[in-house]
Protein backbone atom coordinates (compact mmCIF):
# COMPACT_ATOMS: atom_id res chain seq x y z
CA MET A 1 -2.27 14.93 -21.04
CA PRO A 2 -5.57 13.25 -22.20
CA GLY A 3 -8.82 13.41 -20.40
CA ASN A 4 -10.15 15.39 -17.31
CA PHE A 5 -8.31 13.76 -14.46
CA PHE A 6 -10.30 15.26 -11.56
CA THR A 7 -13.74 16.81 -11.25
CA VAL A 8 -15.33 18.14 -8.13
CA THR A 9 -18.97 16.82 -8.09
CA SER A 10 -20.45 18.32 -4.85
CA GLU A 11 -19.43 20.38 -1.86
CA ASP A 12 -20.73 20.67 1.73
CA GLY A 13 -18.75 23.45 3.52
CA GLY A 14 -15.16 22.61 3.12
CA ALA A 15 -15.78 18.92 2.33
CA ARG A 16 -16.12 17.71 -1.21
CA THR A 17 -16.81 14.77 -3.48
CA GLY A 18 -15.09 14.25 -6.82
CA ILE A 19 -14.07 11.77 -9.48
CA LEU A 20 -10.48 10.77 -10.21
CA LYS A 21 -10.32 9.28 -13.73
CA THR A 22 -7.70 7.81 -15.99
CA ASP A 23 -7.79 5.23 -18.71
CA ARG A 24 -7.07 2.49 -16.06
CA PHE A 25 -9.38 3.32 -13.18
CA GLU A 26 -12.05 5.66 -11.87
CA ALA A 27 -12.20 6.55 -8.16
CA GLU A 28 -14.96 8.46 -6.31
CA THR A 29 -13.36 10.80 -3.67
CA PRO A 30 -12.77 11.14 -0.76
CA VAL A 31 -11.02 7.83 -1.28
CA PHE A 32 -8.70 5.77 0.94
CA MET A 33 -5.83 3.80 -0.71
CA PRO A 34 -4.62 0.56 0.88
CA VAL A 35 -0.86 0.51 1.15
CA GLY A 36 0.85 -2.27 -0.87
CA THR A 37 4.45 -1.35 0.08
CA GLN A 38 6.31 -4.09 -1.66
CA ALA A 39 3.79 -4.70 -4.44
CA THR A 40 1.28 -6.44 -2.10
CA VAL A 41 -1.14 -5.40 0.48
CA LYS A 42 0.34 -7.48 3.30
CA GLY A 43 -1.42 -10.76 3.73
CA LEU A 44 -4.15 -10.31 1.20
CA PHE A 45 -4.95 -11.28 -2.44
CA PRO A 46 -5.34 -8.60 -5.10
CA ARG A 47 -8.93 -10.07 -5.40
CA ASP A 48 -9.66 -9.26 -1.71
CA ILE A 49 -8.83 -5.61 -2.29
CA GLU A 50 -10.92 -5.45 -5.44
CA GLU A 51 -13.83 -7.19 -3.87
CA ILE A 52 -13.84 -4.77 -0.99
CA GLY A 53 -14.10 -2.06 -3.43
CA PHE A 54 -10.92 -0.17 -3.58
CA PRO A 55 -10.02 1.37 -7.04
CA ILE A 56 -6.37 2.25 -6.28
CA VAL A 57 -3.59 1.11 -3.96
CA LEU A 58 -0.21 2.64 -3.11
CA SER A 59 3.26 1.02 -3.45
CA ASN A 60 6.72 2.37 -2.25
CA THR A 61 9.44 3.32 -4.70
CA TYR A 62 12.21 3.00 -2.11
CA HIS A 63 11.44 -0.49 -1.27
CA LEU A 64 10.61 -1.60 -4.88
CA TYR A 65 13.83 0.03 -6.06
CA LEU A 66 15.83 -2.02 -3.64
CA ARG A 67 13.90 -5.19 -4.14
CA PRO A 68 13.26 -6.53 -6.87
CA GLY A 69 14.48 -3.40 -8.73
CA HIS A 70 12.91 -1.14 -11.18
CA GLU A 71 14.40 -2.90 -14.24
CA LEU A 72 13.16 -6.29 -13.27
CA ILE A 73 9.59 -4.75 -12.89
CA ARG A 74 10.01 -3.01 -16.21
CA LYS A 75 11.04 -6.26 -17.87
CA MET A 76 8.02 -8.04 -16.23
CA GLY A 77 5.63 -5.62 -18.03
CA GLY A 78 5.32 -3.03 -15.25
CA LEU A 79 3.95 -3.08 -11.69
CA HIS A 80 0.29 -3.63 -12.61
CA LYS A 81 1.18 -6.97 -14.44
CA PHE A 82 3.78 -7.93 -11.98
CA MET A 83 1.40 -7.87 -8.98
CA ASN A 84 -1.65 -8.65 -11.06
CA TRP A 85 -3.59 -5.41 -10.19
CA LYS A 86 -5.58 -4.07 -12.97
CA LYS A 87 -6.75 -0.85 -11.29
CA GLY A 88 -4.92 2.17 -10.14
CA ILE A 89 -1.34 2.40 -8.54
CA LEU A 90 0.09 5.48 -6.90
CA THR A 91 3.70 5.20 -5.98
CA ASP A 92 5.32 7.57 -3.40
CA SER A 93 8.89 8.68 -4.17
CA GLY A 94 10.94 7.39 -1.12
CA GLY A 95 10.59 10.91 0.42
CA PHE A 96 9.26 9.51 3.72
CA GLN A 97 12.31 7.32 4.04
CA VAL A 98 14.20 10.50 4.00
CA PHE A 99 12.53 11.19 7.32
CA SER A 100 12.27 7.71 8.84
CA LEU A 101 15.90 6.70 7.88
CA ARG A 102 17.58 9.96 8.65
CA ASP A 103 20.48 8.28 10.31
CA ARG A 104 21.22 6.52 6.94
CA ILE A 105 21.07 9.57 4.59
CA SER A 106 22.85 12.57 3.43
CA ILE A 107 20.96 15.42 1.53
CA THR A 108 22.44 17.76 -1.04
CA ASP A 109 20.77 19.91 -3.69
CA GLU A 110 21.41 17.15 -6.16
CA GLY A 111 19.34 14.52 -4.25
CA VAL A 112 19.40 12.09 -1.29
CA THR A 113 22.21 9.58 -0.74
CA PHE A 114 21.36 6.67 1.55
CA ARG A 115 22.53 3.29 2.79
CA SER A 116 20.29 0.51 2.15
CA HIS A 117 18.53 -0.88 5.41
CA ILE A 118 19.00 -4.33 3.80
CA ASP A 119 22.65 -4.64 3.25
CA GLY A 120 24.19 -1.20 3.78
CA SER A 121 24.95 -0.55 0.08
CA LEU A 122 25.10 3.02 -1.01
CA HIS A 123 22.35 4.52 -3.28
CA MET A 124 21.47 7.99 -4.67
CA PHE A 125 17.96 9.27 -5.35
CA SER A 126 17.71 12.39 -7.57
CA PRO A 127 14.63 13.92 -8.91
CA GLU A 128 15.46 12.59 -12.43
CA ASN A 129 16.02 8.93 -11.46
CA VAL A 130 13.12 8.79 -9.03
CA ILE A 131 10.88 9.68 -11.94
CA GLY A 132 12.66 7.16 -14.08
CA PHE A 133 12.01 4.43 -11.47
CA GLN A 134 8.31 5.25 -11.23
CA GLU A 135 7.94 5.34 -15.09
CA ALA A 136 9.64 1.91 -15.08
CA PHE A 137 6.87 0.77 -12.74
CA GLY A 138 4.09 2.32 -14.93
CA SER A 139 2.56 4.04 -11.93
CA ASP A 140 -0.77 5.83 -12.63
CA ILE A 141 0.17 8.52 -10.12
CA MET A 142 3.76 9.47 -9.23
CA MET A 143 5.28 11.54 -6.55
CA PRO A 144 8.29 13.76 -6.61
CA ILE A 145 11.31 13.26 -4.25
CA ASP A 146 10.99 15.66 -1.24
CA GLU A 147 12.30 16.16 2.21
CA CYS A 148 9.88 15.38 5.05
CA VAL A 149 11.38 17.31 8.03
CA PRO A 150 10.89 16.31 11.72
CA PRO A 151 8.14 18.22 13.36
CA SER A 152 10.48 19.79 15.75
CA SER A 153 12.65 21.46 13.10
CA ASP A 154 13.18 25.14 13.47
CA HIS A 155 11.78 27.64 10.92
CA GLU A 156 15.15 28.47 9.33
CA TYR A 157 16.04 24.91 8.42
CA VAL A 158 12.48 24.19 7.09
CA LYS A 159 12.65 27.33 4.88
CA GLN A 160 15.92 26.22 3.47
CA SER A 161 14.61 22.54 3.04
CA LEU A 162 11.48 23.91 1.34
CA LYS A 163 13.41 25.60 -1.38
CA ARG A 164 15.23 22.44 -2.16
CA THR A 165 12.02 20.48 -2.16
CA HIS A 166 10.43 22.85 -4.58
CA ASP A 167 13.48 22.70 -6.86
CA TRP A 168 13.35 18.87 -6.80
CA ALA A 169 9.67 19.05 -7.70
CA PHE A 170 10.15 21.25 -10.80
CA ARG A 171 13.07 18.93 -11.80
CA CYS A 172 10.77 15.91 -11.55
CA LEU A 173 8.20 17.71 -13.55
CA LYS A 174 10.77 18.44 -16.33
CA ALA A 175 12.23 14.84 -16.16
CA LYS A 176 8.72 13.31 -16.72
CA THR A 177 8.31 11.74 -20.19
CA SER A 178 5.10 9.60 -19.78
CA ASN A 179 1.38 10.63 -19.56
CA ASN A 180 1.32 9.38 -16.07
CA ARG A 181 0.21 11.90 -13.52
CA LEU A 182 2.70 13.62 -11.29
CA PHE A 183 1.60 15.39 -7.97
CA GLY A 184 3.54 18.11 -6.14
CA ILE A 185 4.24 17.60 -2.45
CA ILE A 186 3.48 20.59 -0.09
CA GLN A 187 5.90 20.67 2.81
CA GLY A 188 6.62 23.41 5.29
CA GLY A 189 6.81 21.65 8.70
CA MET A 190 4.41 23.04 11.47
CA TYR A 191 4.67 26.50 10.07
CA PRO A 192 1.54 27.90 8.28
CA ASP A 193 3.48 30.75 6.58
CA LEU A 194 5.81 28.19 4.96
CA ARG A 195 2.84 25.85 4.03
CA LYS A 196 1.41 28.79 2.27
CA ILE A 197 4.59 29.50 0.36
CA SER A 198 4.79 25.84 -0.61
CA ALA A 199 1.32 25.54 -1.80
CA GLU A 200 1.48 28.83 -3.84
CA THR A 201 4.89 27.88 -5.31
CA LEU A 202 3.88 24.38 -6.54
CA SER A 203 0.55 25.75 -7.81
CA GLN A 204 2.69 27.43 -10.51
CA GLY A 205 3.64 24.07 -11.90
CA ASP A 206 1.67 21.80 -14.10
CA PHE A 207 0.96 19.15 -11.50
CA SER A 208 -1.97 16.91 -11.66
CA GLY A 209 -2.70 17.18 -8.07
CA PHE A 210 -1.12 18.02 -4.68
CA SER A 211 -0.01 16.05 -1.68
CA ILE A 212 0.29 17.33 1.70
CA GLY A 213 3.29 15.83 3.33
CA GLY A 214 5.08 16.18 6.71
CA LEU A 215 2.01 15.61 8.68
CA SER A 216 1.01 12.71 11.01
CA VAL A 217 4.75 12.36 11.76
CA GLY A 218 4.49 12.69 15.45
CA GLU A 219 2.88 16.08 15.99
CA ALA A 220 -0.18 16.34 18.30
CA LYS A 221 -3.53 15.96 16.38
CA PRO A 222 -4.72 19.44 17.10
CA VAL A 223 -1.52 20.82 15.36
CA MET A 224 -1.89 18.64 12.46
CA TYR A 225 -5.62 19.79 11.97
CA SER A 226 -4.54 23.50 12.41
CA VAL A 227 -1.68 23.28 9.89
CA LEU A 228 -4.06 21.45 7.47
CA GLU A 229 -6.63 24.15 7.89
CA GLN A 230 -4.14 26.78 7.06
CA THR A 231 -2.84 24.88 4.05
CA THR A 232 -5.77 23.73 1.90
CA PRO A 233 -7.09 27.26 1.14
CA TYR A 234 -3.93 27.84 -0.87
CA VAL A 235 -4.16 24.55 -2.92
CA PRO A 236 -6.07 24.82 -6.32
CA LYS A 237 -9.68 23.85 -5.98
CA ASN A 238 -9.73 22.03 -9.38
CA LYS A 239 -6.92 19.58 -8.30
CA PRO A 240 -7.08 16.61 -5.89
CA ARG A 241 -5.57 16.99 -2.40
CA TYR A 242 -3.87 14.04 -0.98
CA LEU A 243 -2.97 13.90 2.73
CA MET A 244 -0.08 11.40 2.96
CA GLY A 245 0.05 8.74 5.71
CA VAL A 246 -3.34 9.29 7.41
CA GLY A 247 -5.72 6.43 8.14
CA ALA A 248 -7.29 6.86 11.55
CA PRO A 249 -11.07 7.50 11.15
CA GLU A 250 -11.05 10.53 13.21
CA ASP A 251 -8.19 12.09 11.11
CA ILE A 252 -9.82 11.21 7.92
CA LEU A 253 -13.07 13.02 9.06
CA GLU A 254 -11.25 16.18 10.22
CA ALA A 255 -9.25 16.26 6.97
CA VAL A 256 -12.21 15.83 4.73
CA GLU A 257 -13.92 18.78 6.47
CA ARG A 258 -10.79 20.76 5.42
CA GLY A 259 -11.09 19.75 1.82
CA VAL A 260 -8.81 16.70 1.47
CA ASP A 261 -9.76 14.09 -1.19
CA MET A 262 -7.22 11.29 -0.95
CA PHE A 263 -5.71 9.24 2.00
CA ASP A 264 -3.31 6.24 2.48
CA CYS A 265 -1.94 4.55 5.50
CA VAL A 266 -0.59 1.18 6.90
CA LEU A 267 -2.70 1.57 9.97
CA PRO A 268 -5.72 -0.78 9.06
CA THR A 269 -3.50 -3.69 8.11
CA ARG A 270 -0.66 -3.02 10.64
CA THR A 271 -3.13 -2.89 13.64
CA ALA A 272 -5.02 -5.94 12.11
CA ARG A 273 -1.84 -8.04 12.54
CA THR A 274 -1.82 -7.37 16.25
CA GLY A 275 -5.54 -8.48 16.57
CA THR A 276 -7.04 -4.98 16.68
CA PHE A 277 -10.28 -4.47 14.69
CA MET A 278 -11.68 -1.07 13.76
CA THR A 279 -15.45 -0.73 14.49
CA ARG A 280 -17.99 2.07 14.75
CA PHE A 281 -17.52 1.86 18.61
CA GLY A 282 -13.67 2.22 18.56
CA LYS A 283 -11.02 -0.38 18.54
CA LEU A 284 -11.75 -3.87 19.60
CA VAL A 285 -8.88 -6.03 20.73
CA ILE A 286 -9.77 -9.55 19.81
CA LYS A 287 -7.25 -11.28 22.19
CA ASN A 288 -9.08 -9.84 25.32
CA SER A 289 -10.65 -12.63 27.41
CA ARG A 290 -14.09 -11.13 27.17
CA HIS A 291 -14.34 -12.52 23.59
CA LYS A 292 -13.30 -16.05 24.42
CA PHE A 293 -17.01 -17.36 24.30
CA SER A 294 -18.47 -14.71 22.18
CA ASP A 295 -20.54 -16.13 19.32
CA ILE A 296 -21.28 -12.73 17.72
CA PRO A 297 -19.29 -11.11 14.95
CA VAL A 298 -16.76 -8.36 15.52
CA GLU A 299 -19.26 -5.79 14.26
CA GLU A 300 -23.06 -6.46 13.94
CA GLY A 301 -24.27 -5.51 10.53
CA CYS A 302 -20.82 -5.40 8.80
CA GLY A 303 -20.76 -7.13 5.51
CA CYS A 304 -17.21 -7.97 5.34
CA TYR A 305 -16.12 -11.75 4.88
CA ALA A 306 -14.86 -11.96 8.49
CA CYS A 307 -18.10 -10.67 10.07
CA SER A 308 -20.26 -12.56 7.74
CA ASN A 309 -18.74 -15.92 8.58
CA PHE A 310 -16.95 -16.04 11.84
CA SER A 311 -17.58 -15.30 15.52
CA ARG A 312 -15.27 -13.27 17.82
CA ALA A 313 -14.49 -16.56 19.68
CA TYR A 314 -13.13 -18.10 16.54
CA LEU A 315 -11.17 -15.05 15.56
CA ARG A 316 -9.65 -14.89 18.95
CA HIS A 317 -8.69 -18.49 18.73
CA LEU A 318 -6.79 -17.93 15.40
CA PHE A 319 -4.77 -15.05 17.10
CA MET A 320 -4.20 -17.09 20.30
CA VAL A 321 -2.63 -20.02 18.38
CA ASP A 322 -0.82 -17.64 15.83
CA GLU A 323 -2.66 -18.92 12.80
CA MET A 324 -2.05 -16.62 9.72
CA LEU A 325 -5.75 -16.62 8.92
CA GLY A 326 -6.26 -14.36 11.90
CA PRO A 327 -4.41 -11.28 10.67
CA GLU A 328 -5.87 -11.91 7.11
CA LEU A 329 -9.44 -11.74 8.32
CA ALA A 330 -8.64 -8.81 10.51
CA SER A 331 -7.14 -6.97 7.51
CA ILE A 332 -10.05 -7.71 5.44
CA HIS A 333 -12.33 -6.35 8.19
CA ASN A 334 -10.35 -3.18 8.79
CA LEU A 335 -10.07 -2.36 5.05
CA TYR A 336 -13.89 -3.09 4.53
CA PHE A 337 -14.51 -0.77 7.46
CA LEU A 338 -12.51 2.12 5.89
CA CYS A 339 -14.00 1.59 2.48
CA SER A 340 -17.47 1.73 3.94
CA LEU A 341 -16.65 4.84 5.91
CA MET A 342 -15.45 6.60 2.79
CA ARG A 343 -18.68 5.57 1.07
CA GLU A 344 -20.73 7.04 3.83
CA ILE A 345 -18.72 10.17 3.92
CA ARG A 346 -19.37 10.72 0.10
CA LEU A 347 -23.03 10.16 0.67
CA SER A 348 -23.21 12.60 3.70
CA ILE A 349 -21.48 15.27 1.44
CA LEU A 350 -23.86 14.72 -1.40
CA GLU A 351 -26.85 15.06 0.96
CA LYS A 352 -25.28 18.19 2.61
CA ARG A 353 -25.14 16.62 6.04
CA PHE A 354 -21.43 16.01 6.49
CA SER A 355 -21.09 17.95 9.81
CA GLU A 356 -23.86 15.85 11.31
CA PHE A 357 -22.44 12.61 10.05
CA LYS A 358 -19.06 13.54 11.50
CA LYS A 359 -20.46 14.50 14.88
CA ASP A 360 -22.53 11.34 15.12
CA PHE A 361 -19.63 8.95 13.96
CA LEU A 362 -17.22 10.46 16.38
CA GLU A 363 -19.67 10.20 19.32
CA LYS A 364 -20.03 6.56 18.72
CA TYR A 365 -16.23 5.91 17.77
CA PHE A 366 -15.06 7.32 21.16
CA SER A 367 -17.87 5.77 23.22
CA ASP A 368 -17.04 2.99 25.73
CA ALA A 369 -19.76 0.72 24.50
CA GLU A 370 -17.63 -1.77 22.78
CA ARG A 371 -14.19 -0.65 23.82
CA SER A 372 -11.80 -3.55 23.72
């Protein structure tokens, strides 16, 4: 494949900065990727995402396969043209739906058979066709099909599942016909020995990067941090490390400290739709009565469109009368907040003060100064 896809540019303890680069986009890492499940970041224009400063977004193979279908997207010129997004697109494989829709699926060595959550129709995802779907999308970064097991799964089941996930990953690698990048997905449940096996096994393949799946799926945060800490040392240092489905600021900071480069999560936009704003002093719930007459922005000093133009009182009004502008402005703010956080994280690593930055940030974030 052409070009140097990933370069580590600085390190501070376990934390590191880097550059992801393809013909279409360049991203400084650590980087957060907004989730556009169905070819849109819910409620926002592509120009909003670009103006905030994101170089890459994530879309979902499972949902796009069902609606509108990979062949339609192919005929429309690919996902970038279809959704009018000119920068990077990472597509997951539908593996998380193996976890979240377990009552609708059956798993064999061949792949996953599932019933659509839309109309109950029967479908089959194999390693080969999942790669075909993503190549039809024209994804810049693709994911293999995998099994994300529940955190309570016993060691023997996870061990058996892991072998299948590895077989699927190498079949995906063999099925790939494009120059688009394919990551391997490290699984292994909550078991460090299986995580080590997974990382070492996948490292033998020609994957462009490595995703860490099966975390942030209901386990306690200290467990997630511990498993992560016992996984990343076995992931090649010259490849990007992507922690799937994590977007809470405290989790991002803990993961960056353990050497993670990429993140995605629906959290900033999902909580925005309920009127919850992310700030340096924790979560601010705009519907609370204390904001009814407040003429200050959600966060002083924030440069986002919402904080630059509207008061808390106005934003609260929008949510109280169910105006769609409320969730849109909250989504813009929350994504701006995370984009700014990633920028500050990168700067702190470059200046060799990440530990100090993390400590100061978390002290403010969990203070009661602006709580709700």
